[in-house]
């Protein structure tokens, strides 16, 4: 986390810990994490930005539906990244099979 460079950190309630929030504040990264209900003092977060997290989760779900990525058949890191890029192309481009 020390080398993390980002404007915001999007995560679900499971990541709502004081330690992580302090680390993000120290790194000047906005924490977009909904507070757990048991927190005594509820804190604000960007609901609009948190909704964007749903899109990210859908991309990961679509990637994992491809067996080669889910099972990590590629032995080399370069091959694995290439497989992810190919899958992203299929997700992004309107590919029609006839």
Protein backbone atom coordinates (compact mmCIF):
# COMPACT_ATOMS: atom_id res chain seq x y z
CA UNK A 1 0.00 0.00 0.00
CA UNK A 2 2.95 2.36 0.47
CA UNK A 3 3.51 2.74 -3.29
CA UNK A 4 -0.19 3.06 -4.14
CA UNK A 5 -0.99 6.09 -6.28
CA UNK A 6 -4.68 6.83 -6.73
CA UNK A 7 -7.26 9.54 -6.23
CA UNK A 8 -9.78 7.23 -4.58
CA UNK A 9 -9.91 3.76 -3.03
CA UNK A 10 -13.20 1.95 -3.73
CA UNK A 11 -14.05 -0.98 -1.49
CA UNK A 12 -16.97 -2.61 0.28
CA UNK A 13 -17.81 -2.53 3.98
CA UNK A 14 -15.38 -5.33 4.78
CA UNK A 15 -12.52 -2.85 4.28
CA UNK A 16 -13.92 -0.29 6.74
CA UNK A 17 -11.10 -0.43 9.28
CA UNK A 18 -9.49 2.45 11.13
CA UNK A 19 -6.03 1.21 10.13
CA UNK A 20 -6.83 1.26 6.40
CA UNK A 21 -8.63 4.60 6.64
CA UNK A 22 -5.62 6.12 8.40
CA UNK A 23 -3.27 4.75 5.72
CA UNK A 24 -5.43 6.21 2.96
CA UNK A 25 -5.66 9.56 4.70
CA UNK A 26 -1.88 9.61 5.12
CA UNK A 27 -1.44 8.90 1.40
CA UNK A 28 -4.03 11.60 0.52
CA UNK A 29 -6.35 9.05 -1.14
CA UNK A 30 -10.12 9.44 -0.80
CA UNK A 31 -11.72 6.45 0.93
CA UNK A 32 -14.89 5.45 -0.89
CA UNK A 33 -15.92 2.78 1.59
CA UNK A 34 -19.39 2.67 3.14
CA UNK A 35 -19.15 2.52 6.94
CA UNK A 36 -20.30 -0.59 8.76
CA UNK A 37 -23.50 -0.15 10.74
CA UNK A 38 -21.75 -0.86 14.03
CA UNK A 39 -19.54 2.23 13.67
CA UNK A 40 -20.37 4.71 16.42
CA UNK A 41 -19.67 7.72 14.22
CA UNK A 42 -20.84 7.20 10.65
CA UNK A 43 -18.69 8.95 8.06
CA UNK A 44 -19.59 10.29 4.64
CA UNK A 45 -18.49 8.75 1.35
CA UNK A 46 -19.27 9.37 -2.32
CA UNK A 47 -22.33 7.31 -3.21
CA UNK A 48 -21.92 8.13 -6.92
CA UNK A 49 -18.33 6.93 -7.01
CA UNK A 50 -19.21 3.84 -4.99
CA UNK A 51 -21.81 2.91 -7.63
CA UNK A 52 -18.99 2.84 -10.20
CA UNK A 53 -17.49 -0.04 -8.21
CA UNK A 54 -20.34 -2.19 -9.56
CA UNK A 55 -18.98 -1.79 -13.11
CA UNK A 56 -15.54 -2.91 -11.97
CA UNK A 57 -17.01 -5.97 -10.24
CA UNK A 58 -18.89 -6.87 -13.44
CA UNK A 59 -15.67 -6.76 -15.47
CA UNK A 60 -13.95 -9.11 -13.02
CA UNK A 61 -16.95 -11.46 -13.16
CA UNK A 62 -16.84 -11.45 -16.97
CA UNK A 63 -13.10 -12.15 -16.94
CA UNK A 64 -13.49 -15.06 -14.55
CA UNK A 65 -16.17 -16.63 -16.77
CA UNK A 66 -13.35 -17.37 -19.21
CA UNK A 67 -11.94 -20.65 -17.94
CA UNK A 68 -8.38 -19.93 -19.02
CA UNK A 69 -8.26 -16.85 -16.80
CA UNK A 70 -10.19 -18.28 -13.87
CA UNK A 71 -7.97 -21.37 -13.66
CA UNK A 72 -4.82 -19.41 -14.62
CA UNK A 73 -3.69 -21.88 -17.27
CA UNK A 74 -1.04 -19.47 -18.52
CA UNK A 75 2.25 -20.22 -16.83
CA UNK A 76 3.98 -16.95 -17.65
CA UNK A 77 2.81 -13.57 -16.40
CA UNK A 78 3.05 -12.13 -19.91
CA UNK A 79 0.79 -14.87 -21.27
CA UNK A 80 -1.74 -14.33 -18.49
CA UNK A 81 -1.85 -10.57 -19.11
CA UNK A 82 -2.22 -11.21 -22.85
CA UNK A 83 -5.18 -13.50 -22.16
CA UNK A 84 -6.81 -10.80 -20.02
CA UNK A 85 -6.28 -8.24 -22.79
CA UNK A 86 -7.83 -10.53 -25.39
CA UNK A 87 -10.83 -11.16 -23.14
CA UNK A 88 -11.23 -7.41 -22.54
CA UNK A 89 -11.23 -6.86 -26.30
CA UNK A 90 -14.06 -9.37 -26.67
CA UNK A 91 -15.97 -7.63 -23.89
CA UNK A 92 -15.42 -4.16 -25.35
CA UNK A 93 -15.79 -4.76 -29.09
CA UNK A 94 -19.12 -5.84 -30.58
CA UNK A 95 -18.01 -9.24 -31.85
CA UNK A 96 -20.65 -11.06 -33.88
CA UNK A 97 -20.34 -14.70 -34.77
CA UNK A 98 -22.21 -16.05 -37.75
